[in-house]
Amino acid sequence: MQRTQSAFLARLARLNPTTVFLATLALVLVAFFAPGIIGGALLLALVAGLALLMVRTWPVQPPATRAVRLLALTLLAAAALVKVL
């Protein structure tokens, strides 16, 4: 299991940051403009993926980065819940 996780993180590290940013931005925009529960579900899926990534990288992040990431994740989760409700 540990080998699979480290291989996954190594693959993520090789991705082009600009491409990842643009793909994430496109997903967020589609989720914001999609109606009701569809947009909320897309945002919640993004929150789940980012939370998983944050858990995996938590030990190597400085405390200030942890706080900013946690704040951003919380705001995104709140937006998703508002969209669903």
Protein backbone atom coordinates (compact mmCIF):
# COMPACT_ATOMS: atom_id res chain seq x y z
CA MET A 1 0.00 0.00 0.00
CA GLN A 2 2.81 2.43 0.91
CA ARG A 3 4.54 1.79 -2.41
CA THR A 4 1.34 2.56 -4.32
CA GLN A 5 0.89 5.82 -2.41
CA SER A 6 4.45 6.94 -3.03
CA ALA A 7 4.15 6.04 -6.72
CA PHE A 8 0.95 8.08 -6.91
CA LEU A 9 2.59 11.08 -5.26
CA ALA A 10 5.63 10.76 -7.54
CA ARG A 11 3.33 10.76 -10.57
CA LEU A 12 1.55 13.87 -9.25
CA ALA A 13 4.89 15.62 -8.75
CA ARG A 14 5.71 15.12 -12.45
CA LEU A 15 2.54 16.83 -13.65
CA ASN A 16 2.78 20.28 -15.18
CA PRO A 17 1.59 22.76 -12.51
CA THR A 18 0.01 25.07 -15.09
CA THR A 19 -2.03 22.23 -16.55
CA VAL A 20 -3.17 21.10 -13.10
CA PHE A 21 -4.15 24.66 -12.18
CA LEU A 22 -6.11 25.20 -15.40
CA ALA A 23 -7.89 21.84 -15.10
CA THR A 24 -8.84 22.58 -11.49
CA LEU A 25 -10.01 26.07 -12.43
CA ALA A 26 -12.15 24.63 -15.22
CA LEU A 27 -13.70 22.10 -12.81
CA VAL A 28 -14.47 24.82 -10.26
CA LEU A 29 -16.05 27.07 -12.89
CA VAL A 30 -18.18 24.25 -14.28
CA ALA A 31 -19.24 23.36 -10.72
CA PHE A 32 -20.14 26.96 -9.88
CA PHE A 33 -22.23 27.40 -13.01
CA ALA A 34 -23.83 23.94 -12.99
CA PRO A 35 -27.30 23.85 -11.48
CA GLY A 36 -27.88 22.92 -7.84
CA ILE A 37 -26.92 19.45 -6.78
CA ILE A 38 -24.77 18.71 -9.84
CA GLY A 39 -22.49 21.66 -9.13
CA GLY A 40 -22.46 20.84 -5.43
CA ALA A 41 -21.52 17.24 -6.12
CA LEU A 42 -18.65 18.35 -8.37
CA LEU A 43 -17.40 20.71 -5.69
CA LEU A 44 -17.69 18.01 -3.02
CA ALA A 45 -15.71 15.63 -5.25
CA LEU A 46 -13.02 18.29 -5.58
CA VAL A 47 -13.03 18.81 -1.80
CA ALA A 48 -12.60 15.05 -1.27
CA GLY A 49 -9.69 14.88 -3.70
CA LEU A 50 -7.98 17.90 -2.19
CA ALA A 51 -8.52 16.56 1.33
CA LEU A 52 -6.90 13.28 0.35
CA LEU A 53 -3.94 15.10 -1.14
CA MET A 54 -3.69 17.33 1.92
CA VAL A 55 -3.63 14.34 4.26
CA ARG A 56 -0.81 12.76 2.26
CA THR A 57 1.31 15.92 2.21
CA TRP A 58 0.50 17.19 5.72
CA PRO A 59 3.76 16.06 7.42
CA VAL A 60 6.00 17.95 5.00
CA GLN A 61 4.10 21.26 4.96
CA PRO A 62 5.04 24.18 7.20
CA PRO A 63 2.36 25.30 9.68
CA ALA A 64 1.49 28.48 7.74
CA THR A 65 0.86 26.47 4.57
CA ARG A 66 -1.26 24.00 6.52
CA ALA A 67 -3.44 26.81 7.85
CA VAL A 68 -3.96 28.37 4.42
CA ARG A 69 -4.78 25.04 2.82
CA LEU A 70 -7.19 24.15 5.60
CA LEU A 71 -8.91 27.53 5.27
CA ALA A 72 -9.23 27.17 1.49
CA LEU A 73 -10.59 23.63 1.82
CA THR A 74 -13.11 24.76 4.44
CA LEU A 75 -14.32 27.63 2.23
CA LEU A 76 -14.66 25.33 -0.77
CA ALA A 77 -16.60 22.78 1.31
CA ALA A 78 -18.90 25.55 2.57
CA ALA A 79 -19.52 26.74 -1.01
CA ALA A 80 -20.32 23.16 -2.02
CA LEU A 81 -22.81 22.73 0.80
CA VAL A 82 -24.47 26.05 0.03
CA LYS A 83 -24.74 24.99 -3.61
CA VAL A 84 -26.33 21.65 -2.67
CA LEU A 85 -28.79 23.16 -0.20
